[in-house]
């Protein structure tokens, strides 16, 4: 019974996707499981900067509630009772070191797209749907990941790309999604947002966009009750379509 319910939900999610004029993707955790590499890159930057900070997975998972790398470091610093002062310039320097190291890790090819992502992108293009990216991460991080995964001309596949530095407030504020809607000139109901986190779900929902969640490593236990659908990964969409095609027509 549970398997049947899961299949029905995936089939309904696939129908929602097919009927959308545009699909709007988050990046980290949604297109690829990047967060562990981000964590390693932060720790590398701390060593390079002479800080004794060490973010293990539990600490990092908690810090992911703060969106944005620079904001995350500032929030962590503010929690420390006797930390040495860190200026905005220090934070920016740390972030540059972290971003460069992250790009180097991505270039090793160790972080492929999550299951079903490439297939969904291809199917969307075949249906002439528009594609967009709405993320908290920087353009440098987006390019590092997608130039490796989709090739040097990856950006030509997307009609709009909005990162955290392009708007005043990052997720869970709706700013990135509102900017995407303005650039695409579409109503929220014409789109589907594909996210992996509670903050992403809140941001898209505040913009009025229906949300499909694909669970990821660090956010799998977030509250997704407001999502239209929740899947383990996007390959479930393709499997649901195949099963639907194989079923005999109703009499």
Protein backbone atom coordinates (compact mmCIF):
# COMPACT_ATOMS: atom_id res chain seq x y z
CA UNK A 1 0.00 0.00 0.00
CA UNK A 2 2.82 2.41 0.88
CA UNK A 3 4.56 1.68 -2.43
CA UNK A 4 1.31 2.39 -4.32
CA UNK A 5 0.84 5.70 -2.49
CA UNK A 6 4.43 6.69 -3.24
CA UNK A 7 3.98 5.86 -6.92
CA UNK A 8 0.75 7.88 -7.10
CA UNK A 9 2.42 10.87 -5.43
CA UNK A 10 5.35 10.69 -7.85
CA UNK A 11 2.95 10.46 -10.80
CA UNK A 12 1.04 13.51 -9.57
CA UNK A 13 4.32 15.36 -9.09
CA UNK A 14 5.36 14.47 -12.63
CA UNK A 15 2.06 15.88 -13.92
CA UNK A 16 2.62 19.12 -11.99
CA UNK A 17 6.08 19.37 -13.56
CA UNK A 18 4.80 18.68 -17.09
CA UNK A 19 2.13 21.39 -16.87
CA UNK A 20 4.47 24.15 -15.65
CA UNK A 21 5.65 26.89 -17.97
CA UNK A 22 8.91 27.15 -16.04
CA UNK A 23 10.91 25.07 -13.59
CA UNK A 24 12.95 26.98 -11.02
CA UNK A 25 15.80 25.10 -9.36
CA UNK A 26 17.67 25.64 -6.15
CA UNK A 27 21.34 24.56 -6.42
CA UNK A 28 23.03 23.25 -3.26
CA UNK A 29 21.43 19.99 -2.18
CA UNK A 30 18.91 20.12 -5.04
CA UNK A 31 20.96 19.85 -8.22
CA UNK A 32 23.85 18.12 -6.43
CA UNK A 33 24.83 17.08 -2.91
CA UNK A 34 27.30 19.92 -2.53
CA UNK A 35 26.96 20.80 1.15
CA UNK A 36 29.62 18.39 2.39
CA UNK A 37 32.12 19.97 -0.02
CA UNK A 38 31.10 23.42 1.19
CA UNK A 39 31.74 22.28 4.78
CA UNK A 40 35.22 21.02 3.87
CA UNK A 41 35.97 24.26 2.04
CA UNK A 42 34.93 26.37 5.03
CA UNK A 43 37.26 24.38 7.29
CA UNK A 44 40.10 24.82 4.80
CA UNK A 45 39.55 28.59 4.84
CA UNK A 46 39.59 28.67 8.63
CA UNK A 47 42.99 26.91 8.73
CA UNK A 48 44.38 29.24 6.07
CA UNK A 49 43.19 32.26 8.05
CA UNK A 50 44.69 31.01 11.32
CA UNK A 51 41.37 30.32 13.03
CA UNK A 52 40.87 27.31 15.29
CA UNK A 53 37.31 26.80 14.05
CA UNK A 54 36.31 23.32 12.93
CA UNK A 55 32.79 22.68 11.66
CA UNK A 56 31.83 19.04 11.97
CA UNK A 57 28.67 17.79 10.27
CA UNK A 58 26.46 18.38 13.29
CA UNK A 59 27.67 21.97 13.69
CA UNK A 60 27.37 22.62 9.96
CA UNK A 61 23.85 21.20 9.80
CA UNK A 62 22.82 23.63 12.53
CA UNK A 63 24.57 26.54 10.79
CA UNK A 64 22.77 25.80 7.52
CA UNK A 65 19.71 27.39 9.09
CA UNK A 66 21.58 30.63 8.36
CA UNK A 67 21.51 31.20 4.61
CA UNK A 68 24.61 32.54 2.88
CA UNK A 69 28.24 31.65 3.53
CA UNK A 70 29.35 35.05 4.79
CA UNK A 71 26.27 35.30 6.98
CA UNK A 72 26.91 31.79 8.32
CA UNK A 73 30.45 32.67 9.38
CA UNK A 74 29.30 35.88 11.02
CA UNK A 75 26.57 34.01 12.92
CA UNK A 76 29.07 31.42 14.17
CA UNK A 77 31.54 34.12 15.23
CA UNK A 78 28.81 35.93 17.14
CA UNK A 79 28.10 32.76 19.15
CA UNK A 80 31.67 32.51 20.45
CA UNK A 81 32.06 34.14 23.89
CA UNK A 82 35.67 35.33 23.55
CA UNK A 83 36.47 35.26 19.84
CA UNK A 84 38.94 37.70 18.36
CA UNK A 85 37.28 40.45 16.28
CA UNK A 86 36.49 39.66 12.65
CA UNK A 87 35.85 42.59 10.32
CA UNK A 88 33.66 42.46 7.24
CA UNK A 89 36.89 42.43 5.22
CA UNK A 90 38.06 39.35 7.16
CA UNK A 91 34.77 37.60 6.46
CA UNK A 92 35.03 38.49 2.76
CA UNK A 93 38.60 37.16 2.63
CA UNK A 94 37.56 33.92 4.30
CA UNK A 95 34.73 33.56 1.82
CA UNK A 96 37.05 34.07 -1.16
CA UNK A 97 39.42 31.37 0.13
CA UNK A 98 36.51 29.05 0.79
CA UNK A 99 34.98 29.63 -2.67
CA UNK A 100 38.28 28.97 -4.45
CA UNK A 101 38.83 25.74 -2.53
CA UNK A 102 35.25 24.63 -3.20
CA UNK A 103 35.76 25.18 -6.92
CA UNK A 104 38.91 23.06 -6.78
CA UNK A 105 37.04 20.23 -5.09
CA UNK A 106 34.26 20.41 -7.69
CA UNK A 107 36.80 20.26 -10.53
CA UNK A 108 37.89 16.81 -9.38
CA UNK A 109 34.53 15.51 -10.60
CA UNK A 110 33.56 14.18 -7.17
CA UNK A 111 30.13 15.83 -7.11
CA UNK A 112 27.82 14.71 -9.94
CA UNK A 113 24.27 15.88 -10.40
CA UNK A 114 21.76 14.09 -8.20
CA UNK A 115 19.73 11.22 -9.70
CA UNK A 116 17.07 12.40 -12.13
CA UNK A 117 18.35 15.97 -12.49
CA UNK A 118 19.93 15.63 -15.95
CA UNK A 119 16.91 13.70 -17.20
CA UNK A 120 14.49 16.34 -15.91
CA UNK A 121 16.50 19.15 -17.49
CA UNK A 122 16.50 17.31 -20.81
CA UNK A 123 12.78 16.52 -20.66
CA UNK A 124 11.96 20.13 -19.80
CA UNK A 125 13.90 21.41 -22.78
CA UNK A 126 12.18 18.87 -25.02
CA UNK A 127 8.82 20.23 -23.81
CA UNK A 128 10.00 23.82 -24.44
CA UNK A 129 9.67 24.66 -20.76
CA UNK A 130 11.73 27.52 -19.41
CA UNK A 131 14.42 26.86 -16.82
CA UNK A 132 15.69 29.12 -14.05
CA UNK A 133 17.92 29.05 -10.98
CA UNK A 134 17.00 30.72 -7.68
CA UNK A 135 19.65 30.15 -5.05
CA UNK A 136 21.35 31.63 -2.03
CA UNK A 137 24.80 30.63 -3.25
CA UNK A 138 27.14 32.84 -5.30
CA UNK A 139 27.48 32.89 -9.08
CA UNK A 140 31.01 31.57 -8.69
CA UNK A 141 29.75 28.50 -6.87
CA UNK A 142 26.97 27.96 -9.41
CA UNK A 143 29.45 28.16 -12.28
CA UNK A 144 31.93 25.82 -10.58
CA UNK A 145 29.28 23.12 -10.21
CA UNK A 146 27.39 23.44 -13.48
CA UNK A 147 30.35 24.01 -15.80
CA UNK A 148 31.65 20.67 -14.50
CA UNK A 149 28.27 18.91 -14.67
CA UNK A 150 26.71 20.45 -17.79
CA UNK A 151 29.66 21.88 -19.74
CA UNK A 152 31.12 25.32 -20.31
CA UNK A 153 27.98 26.67 -22.00
CA UNK A 154 25.64 25.53 -19.21
CA UNK A 155 24.21 29.02 -18.62
CA UNK A 156 22.64 29.05 -22.08
CA UNK A 157 20.21 26.38 -20.88
CA UNK A 158 18.65 28.73 -18.31
CA UNK A 159 16.40 31.71 -18.96
CA UNK A 160 17.16 33.39 -15.62
CA UNK A 161 19.80 32.87 -12.92
CA UNK A 162 19.50 34.69 -9.59
CA UNK A 163 22.01 34.21 -6.76
CA UNK A 164 22.03 35.40 -3.19
CA UNK A 165 24.18 38.45 -3.94
CA UNK A 166 21.68 39.67 -6.57
CA UNK A 167 18.95 40.49 -4.05
CA UNK A 168 18.59 42.37 -0.77
CA UNK A 169 17.50 39.42 1.36
CA UNK A 170 18.40 35.75 1.00
CA UNK A 171 16.13 32.78 1.61
CA UNK A 172 13.82 32.30 3.49
CA UNK A 173 12.90 35.74 2.17
CA UNK A 174 11.12 35.51 -1.19
CA UNK A 175 13.48 37.93 -2.96
CA UNK A 176 15.25 35.47 -5.29
CA UNK A 177 11.95 33.98 -6.43
CA UNK A 178 10.28 37.36 -6.94
CA UNK A 179 13.25 38.43 -9.05
CA UNK A 180 12.99 35.24 -11.12
CA UNK A 181 9.27 35.83 -11.72
CA UNK A 182 10.01 39.40 -12.81
CA UNK A 183 12.69 38.27 -15.24
CA UNK A 184 10.58 35.45 -16.69
CA UNK A 185 7.43 37.63 -16.73
CA UNK A 186 5.38 34.72 -15.41
CA UNK A 187 2.78 34.32 -12.69
CA UNK A 188 3.74 32.17 -9.67
CA UNK A 189 1.13 29.54 -10.60
CA UNK A 190 2.85 29.06 -13.98
CA UNK A 191 6.01 27.82 -12.26
CA UNK A 192 7.25 25.03 -10.03
CA UNK A 193 10.11 25.52 -7.58
CA UNK A 194 12.33 22.53 -6.91
CA UNK A 195 13.96 22.76 -3.48
CA UNK A 196 15.56 20.60 -0.79
CA UNK A 197 15.32 22.71 2.39
CA UNK A 198 12.79 24.27 4.71
CA UNK A 199 14.20 27.73 4.04
CA UNK A 200 13.86 27.20 0.29
CA UNK A 201 10.30 25.97 0.71
CA UNK A 202 9.40 29.07 2.74
CA UNK A 203 11.01 31.39 0.19
CA UNK A 204 9.19 29.92 -2.80
CA UNK A 205 5.90 29.67 -0.90
CA UNK A 206 6.12 33.33 0.09
CA UNK A 207 6.36 34.12 -3.62
CA UNK A 208 3.25 32.00 -4.26
CA UNK A 209 5.09 29.30 -6.23
CA UNK A 210 4.16 25.62 -5.76
CA UNK A 211 7.10 23.61 -4.44
CA UNK A 212 8.40 20.11 -5.10
CA UNK A 213 10.90 18.96 -2.47
CA UNK A 214 13.72 16.49 -3.17
CA UNK A 215 15.16 15.38 0.16
CA UNK A 216 18.90 15.92 0.64
CA UNK A 217 21.64 14.90 3.08
CA UNK A 218 21.51 17.85 5.46
CA UNK A 219 17.84 18.88 5.20
CA UNK A 220 16.00 15.57 5.01
CA UNK A 221 14.24 16.07 8.34
CA UNK A 222 13.05 19.65 7.72
CA UNK A 223 9.33 20.42 7.91
CA UNK A 224 8.00 20.02 4.37
CA UNK A 225 4.30 19.99 5.21
CA UNK A 226 3.69 23.06 3.02
CA UNK A 227 5.26 21.46 -0.07
CA UNK A 228 3.05 20.24 -2.91
CA UNK A 229 5.10 17.04 -3.18
CA UNK A 230 8.11 15.50 -1.39
CA UNK A 231 10.33 12.98 -3.20
CA UNK A 232 13.55 11.25 -2.20
CA UNK A 233 15.10 12.30 -5.51
CA UNK A 234 14.02 13.45 -8.95
CA UNK A 235 14.51 10.04 -10.57
CA UNK A 236 11.11 9.17 -9.06
CA UNK A 237 9.50 11.47 -11.64
CA UNK A 238 10.86 9.44 -14.54
CA UNK A 239 9.98 6.12 -12.92
CA UNK A 240 6.43 7.30 -12.30
CA UNK A 241 6.03 8.34 -15.95
CA UNK A 242 7.31 4.95 -17.14
CA UNK A 243 4.88 3.10 -14.89
CA UNK A 244 1.99 5.28 -16.03
CA UNK A 245 2.81 4.63 -19.70
CA UNK A 246 2.84 0.86 -19.11
CA UNK A 247 -0.57 0.79 -17.41
CA UNK A 248 -3.52 -0.27 -19.62
CA UNK A 249 -6.02 2.42 -20.47
CA UNK A 250 -9.02 2.59 -18.17
CA UNK A 251 -12.15 0.94 -19.55
